[in-house]
């Protein structure tokens, strides 16, 4: 489950005085990731008004499946993801 802010107009996430811009919408997505193709399958994607003034990204991860068989592949995928996005 991924929740994040969709930026305001012009693509900038900062106001003119350098403060963070609060996006008008919040997106919520449920994805299933194919770890072999490294491609997401969108199960659910919702957008709602950003009434709480949310800024940032929140992720929840659920790993499900035959852990005994696919453990090494899942661990390898997570290691590659950590290398690509070390700030996450």
N, C-alpha and C. Protein backbone atom coordinates (compact mmCIF):
# COMPACT_ATOMS: atom_id res chain seq x y z
N UNK A 1 0.85 -1.17 0.00
CA UNK A 1 0.00 0.00 0.00
C UNK A 1 0.89 1.22 0.00
N UNK A 2 0.68 2.13 -0.91
CA UNK A 2 1.49 3.33 -1.03
C UNK A 2 0.57 4.54 -0.95
N UNK A 3 0.92 5.49 -0.11
CA UNK A 3 0.14 6.71 0.01
C UNK A 3 1.10 7.87 -0.19
N UNK A 4 0.72 8.85 -0.99
CA UNK A 4 1.61 9.98 -1.22
C UNK A 4 0.86 11.20 -1.69
N UNK A 5 1.57 12.30 -1.72
CA UNK A 5 0.98 13.57 -2.12
C UNK A 5 1.23 13.82 -3.59
N UNK A 6 0.23 14.26 -4.25
CA UNK A 6 0.37 14.70 -5.64
C UNK A 6 0.62 16.19 -5.61
N UNK A 7 1.69 16.62 -6.24
CA UNK A 7 2.14 18.02 -6.16
C UNK A 7 1.16 19.02 -6.72
N UNK A 8 1.39 20.28 -6.38
CA UNK A 8 0.56 21.37 -6.86
C UNK A 8 0.94 21.73 -8.29
N UNK A 9 0.40 22.82 -8.78
CA UNK A 9 0.62 23.25 -10.15
C UNK A 9 2.07 23.55 -10.46
N UNK A 10 2.47 23.39 -11.71
CA UNK A 10 3.81 23.72 -12.15
C UNK A 10 4.86 22.68 -11.85
N UNK A 11 4.50 21.61 -11.17
CA UNK A 11 5.45 20.53 -10.91
C UNK A 11 6.40 20.79 -9.76
N UNK A 12 6.39 21.97 -9.15
CA UNK A 12 7.30 22.28 -8.06
C UNK A 12 6.68 21.88 -6.74
N UNK A 13 7.50 21.32 -5.84
CA UNK A 13 7.01 20.96 -4.52
C UNK A 13 7.38 22.00 -3.48
N UNK A 14 7.91 23.16 -3.93
CA UNK A 14 8.26 24.26 -3.04
C UNK A 14 7.50 25.52 -3.43
N UNK A 15 7.17 26.32 -2.43
CA UNK A 15 6.55 27.61 -2.69
C UNK A 15 7.64 28.60 -3.10
N UNK A 16 7.24 29.81 -3.47
CA UNK A 16 8.22 30.81 -3.91
C UNK A 16 9.22 31.15 -2.81
N UNK A 17 8.81 31.07 -1.54
CA UNK A 17 9.73 31.39 -0.44
C UNK A 17 10.49 30.16 0.07
N UNK A 18 10.45 29.03 -0.68
CA UNK A 18 11.24 27.85 -0.35
C UNK A 18 10.60 26.88 0.61
N UNK A 19 9.36 27.11 1.03
CA UNK A 19 8.67 26.19 1.93
C UNK A 19 8.01 25.08 1.12
N UNK A 20 7.75 23.96 1.77
CA UNK A 20 7.11 22.84 1.08
C UNK A 20 5.68 23.20 0.69
N UNK A 21 5.34 22.86 -0.54
CA UNK A 21 3.99 23.09 -1.04
C UNK A 21 3.14 21.87 -0.70
N UNK A 22 1.97 22.12 -0.16
CA UNK A 22 1.06 21.04 0.16
C UNK A 22 0.20 20.77 -1.06
N UNK A 23 0.27 19.55 -1.58
CA UNK A 23 -0.49 19.19 -2.78
C UNK A 23 -1.98 19.18 -2.52
N UNK A 24 -2.79 19.43 -3.55
CA UNK A 24 -4.23 19.48 -3.38
C UNK A 24 -4.87 18.10 -3.24
N UNK A 25 -4.18 17.05 -3.66
CA UNK A 25 -4.73 15.69 -3.63
C UNK A 25 -3.75 14.74 -2.95
N UNK A 26 -4.29 13.68 -2.37
CA UNK A 26 -3.50 12.58 -1.82
C UNK A 26 -3.87 11.33 -2.61
N UNK A 27 -2.86 10.62 -3.08
CA UNK A 27 -3.08 9.38 -3.83
C UNK A 27 -2.86 8.19 -2.91
N UNK A 28 -3.66 7.18 -3.08
CA UNK A 28 -3.51 5.93 -2.34
C UNK A 28 -3.55 4.80 -3.36
N UNK A 29 -2.53 3.95 -3.35
CA UNK A 29 -2.43 2.87 -4.33
C UNK A 29 -2.18 1.55 -3.64
N UNK A 30 -2.74 0.51 -4.19
CA UNK A 30 -2.42 -0.85 -3.78
C UNK A 30 -1.82 -1.51 -5.01
N UNK A 31 -0.60 -1.99 -4.87
CA UNK A 31 0.14 -2.57 -5.99
C UNK A 31 0.51 -4.01 -5.69
N UNK A 32 0.59 -4.79 -6.73
CA UNK A 32 1.18 -6.13 -6.67
C UNK A 32 2.39 -6.04 -7.59
N UNK A 33 3.57 -6.36 -7.07
CA UNK A 33 4.78 -6.20 -7.87
C UNK A 33 5.27 -7.56 -8.35
N UNK A 34 5.44 -7.67 -9.65
CA UNK A 34 6.02 -8.86 -10.26
C UNK A 34 7.53 -8.74 -10.08
N UNK A 35 8.10 -9.54 -9.17
CA UNK A 35 9.53 -9.39 -8.84
C UNK A 35 10.42 -9.92 -9.95
N UNK A 36 9.90 -10.68 -10.87
CA UNK A 36 10.71 -11.17 -11.99
C UNK A 36 10.84 -10.10 -13.08
N UNK A 37 9.74 -9.41 -13.37
CA UNK A 37 9.74 -8.38 -14.40
C UNK A 37 9.98 -6.98 -13.83
N UNK A 38 9.97 -6.85 -12.50
CA UNK A 38 10.08 -5.56 -11.81
C UNK A 38 9.04 -4.58 -12.34
N UNK A 39 7.80 -5.07 -12.43
CA UNK A 39 6.70 -4.25 -12.92
C UNK A 39 5.54 -4.31 -11.94
N UNK A 40 4.94 -3.15 -11.66
CA UNK A 40 3.78 -3.15 -10.76
C UNK A 40 2.49 -3.49 -11.51
N UNK A 41 1.57 -4.10 -10.80
CA UNK A 41 0.21 -4.26 -11.28
C UNK A 41 -0.67 -3.45 -10.33
N UNK A 42 -1.35 -2.47 -10.85
CA UNK A 42 -2.17 -1.60 -10.02
C UNK A 42 -3.48 -2.30 -9.69
N UNK A 43 -3.70 -2.55 -8.42
CA UNK A 43 -4.92 -3.20 -7.97
C UNK A 43 -5.97 -2.14 -7.62
N UNK A 44 -5.51 -1.06 -6.99
CA UNK A 44 -6.42 0.01 -6.59
C UNK A 44 -5.66 1.34 -6.62
N UNK A 45 -6.28 2.38 -7.13
CA UNK A 45 -5.68 3.71 -7.15
C UNK A 45 -6.78 4.73 -6.88
N UNK A 46 -6.67 5.42 -5.73
CA UNK A 46 -7.67 6.42 -5.35
C UNK A 46 -6.98 7.76 -5.12
N UNK A 47 -7.70 8.83 -5.40
CA UNK A 47 -7.24 10.17 -5.07
C UNK A 47 -8.34 10.86 -4.29
N UNK A 48 -7.92 11.59 -3.24
CA UNK A 48 -8.88 12.34 -2.46
C UNK A 48 -8.28 13.69 -2.09
N UNK A 49 -9.13 14.61 -1.70
CA UNK A 49 -8.66 15.92 -1.30
C UNK A 49 -7.71 15.80 -0.11
N UNK A 50 -6.69 16.62 -0.08
CA UNK A 50 -5.68 16.61 0.98
C UNK A 50 -6.15 17.51 2.13
N UNK A 51 -7.17 17.09 2.83
CA UNK A 51 -7.79 17.89 3.90
C UNK A 51 -6.87 18.02 5.11
N UNK A 52 -6.01 17.03 5.34
CA UNK A 52 -5.13 17.04 6.52
C UNK A 52 -3.79 17.72 6.25
N UNK A 53 -3.57 18.19 5.02
CA UNK A 53 -2.32 18.86 4.68
C UNK A 53 -1.13 17.92 4.67
N UNK A 54 -1.36 16.71 4.19
CA UNK A 54 -0.33 15.70 4.21
C UNK A 54 0.80 15.99 3.23
N UNK A 55 2.07 15.78 3.67
CA UNK A 55 3.25 15.92 2.81
C UNK A 55 4.08 14.65 2.99
N UNK A 56 4.53 14.05 1.88
CA UNK A 56 5.43 12.90 1.98
C UNK A 56 4.87 11.65 1.37
N UNK A 57 5.52 10.55 1.69
CA UNK A 57 5.13 9.24 1.17
C UNK A 57 5.17 8.23 2.31
N UNK A 58 4.19 7.37 2.34
CA UNK A 58 4.13 6.30 3.33
C UNK A 58 3.96 5.00 2.57
N UNK A 59 4.73 3.98 2.96
CA UNK A 59 4.63 2.67 2.30
C UNK A 59 4.43 1.58 3.33
N UNK A 60 3.61 0.62 2.99
CA UNK A 60 3.44 -0.60 3.77
C UNK A 60 3.70 -1.75 2.82
N UNK A 61 4.46 -2.74 3.28
CA UNK A 61 4.81 -3.87 2.42
C UNK A 61 4.33 -5.16 3.07
N UNK A 62 3.68 -5.98 2.27
CA UNK A 62 3.26 -7.31 2.69
C UNK A 62 3.87 -8.30 1.71
N UNK A 63 4.70 -9.19 2.22
CA UNK A 63 5.31 -10.22 1.37
C UNK A 63 4.54 -11.51 1.62
N UNK A 64 3.94 -12.05 0.56
CA UNK A 64 3.15 -13.26 0.69
C UNK A 64 3.54 -14.25 -0.40
N UNK A 65 3.40 -15.50 -0.10
CA UNK A 65 3.71 -16.53 -1.08
C UNK A 65 4.45 -17.69 -0.43
N UNK A 66 5.02 -18.52 -1.25
CA UNK A 66 5.76 -19.69 -0.78
C UNK A 66 7.17 -19.24 -0.39
N UNK A 67 7.36 -18.87 0.86
CA UNK A 67 8.63 -18.32 1.34
C UNK A 67 9.77 -19.31 1.16
N UNK A 68 9.54 -20.57 1.38
CA UNK A 68 10.59 -21.59 1.25
C UNK A 68 11.14 -21.63 -0.17
N UNK A 69 10.28 -21.54 -1.14
CA UNK A 69 10.70 -21.63 -2.53
C UNK A 69 11.28 -20.32 -3.05
N UNK A 70 10.68 -19.18 -2.68
CA UNK A 70 11.04 -17.90 -3.30
C UNK A 70 11.82 -16.95 -2.40
N UNK A 71 12.24 -17.41 -1.23
CA UNK A 71 12.94 -16.54 -0.28
C UNK A 71 14.14 -15.83 -0.92
N UNK A 72 15.00 -16.58 -1.59
CA UNK A 72 16.22 -15.97 -2.16
C UNK A 72 15.87 -14.92 -3.20
N UNK A 73 14.84 -15.16 -3.99
CA UNK A 73 14.44 -14.20 -5.04
C UNK A 73 13.88 -12.92 -4.42
N UNK A 74 13.07 -13.06 -3.37
CA UNK A 74 12.50 -11.89 -2.69
C UNK A 74 13.61 -11.08 -2.01
N UNK A 75 14.52 -11.74 -1.34
CA UNK A 75 15.64 -11.05 -0.69
C UNK A 75 16.49 -10.33 -1.72
N UNK A 76 16.77 -10.97 -2.84
CA UNK A 76 17.55 -10.33 -3.92
C UNK A 76 16.82 -9.09 -4.44
N UNK A 77 15.52 -9.18 -4.63
CA UNK A 77 14.74 -8.05 -5.11
C UNK A 77 14.81 -6.88 -4.12
N UNK A 78 14.66 -7.17 -2.83
CA UNK A 78 14.71 -6.11 -1.81
C UNK A 78 16.10 -5.48 -1.74
N UNK A 79 17.15 -6.26 -1.91
CA UNK A 79 18.50 -5.72 -1.93
C UNK A 79 18.69 -4.78 -3.12
N UNK A 80 18.21 -5.18 -4.28
CA UNK A 80 18.31 -4.32 -5.46
C UNK A 80 17.52 -3.05 -5.28
N UNK A 81 16.36 -3.15 -4.67
CA UNK A 81 15.52 -1.97 -4.41
C UNK A 81 16.24 -1.01 -3.46
N UNK A 82 16.90 -1.54 -2.45
CA UNK A 82 17.64 -0.70 -1.50
C UNK A 82 18.79 0.02 -2.15
N UNK A 83 19.44 -0.61 -3.12
CA UNK A 83 20.55 0.02 -3.84
C UNK A 83 20.02 1.16 -4.71
N UNK A 84 18.89 0.93 -5.36
CA UNK A 84 18.31 1.93 -6.27
C UNK A 84 17.73 3.11 -5.49
N UNK A 85 17.11 2.87 -4.35
CA UNK A 85 16.47 3.93 -3.58
C UNK A 85 17.02 3.96 -2.15
N UNK A 86 18.28 4.34 -1.96
CA UNK A 86 18.88 4.30 -0.62
C UNK A 86 18.26 5.31 0.35
N UNK A 87 17.58 6.33 -0.15
CA UNK A 87 16.97 7.35 0.69
C UNK A 87 15.63 6.92 1.24
N UNK A 88 15.07 5.84 0.71
CA UNK A 88 13.73 5.41 1.12
C UNK A 88 13.75 4.74 2.48
